[in-house]
Amino acid sequence: LELIFCDLELVEKRLERMEQGAKRGKKPDEAEKRLLLKFKDALERETALRDIEFNIEEQKAMRTLQFLSTKPEIVVINLRENDLNTEKAERLQKDVQEYLKDRETSVITLCGKMEMEIAQLLAEEARAFLDDLKIKEPALNKLIRLSYNLLSLISFFTVGEDEVKAWTIKQGMEALKAAGKIHSDIERGFIRAEVIGFNEFIDSGASMAKAKEKGLLRLEGKNYIVKDGDIINFRFNI
């Protein structure tokens, strides 16, 4: 509700400025006013703007306003450790999903106490802890992936002599624009992108030399659509 109230305050202030401008003789934008009143009506009914249908023109107008309640929503159910991976947990998640079926909302379950304990363990200890509980991975990983999917985000990697770095971009971004996320000079002087998928890299023993021997490292042009997990070396010249 806090996000809805923040958006409502934004709309009311904008309508107030519009009204003050009209008193000074400035003619208001009637299309914008109608749209703001539509927002106001929904928000006063405590309805998030993500749950309202808008046409293409209305969606374009909304982008400049940066509403908070248009953002995707995730409901996290915090369970007791004993309830993880049980019929009770599945039933609770289904009940919440059914309750929220008319909203653009995703639901995930986890045990906050357990996640905190896992985060404090070394990697090997954490793996053993999860294996004992027959859990494939921490719920935090699932939550991160879900968040990325809802926001239409992916990550690609660059590898240097002393560091590996992940870069977050929008799904569907071309290699040229992805290069610009690292540095504008790389985008401006883009020549080619050397690309290998993460799984291909791991299957090659996590060795770039072996990947090259197998012919798995490929050259892509500026229009290549970057995929999640791609490892990329950008060739450029300025």
Foldseek 3Di string as FASTA:
>chain_A
DVLLVVLLVLLVVVVVVQVVCVVVVDHHDVVVNVLSVVSNVCSVVVHQPCLDDDDPVSVVVCVVSPRPSVAEAEAEAADDPVCPPDVVVVVVLVVVCVVCVSGRYHYDYAHPVVLVVLVPDDPVVSVVVCVVVVHPDHVVVVVVVVNCVSVQKAWEWEDDPPDIDIDIDHFQAFPLVVLVSVPVQLSVFFDKKWKAAQVLCVVLVVDPVSCVVVVRTDIHDRRHGDDHRIYIDTDGDD
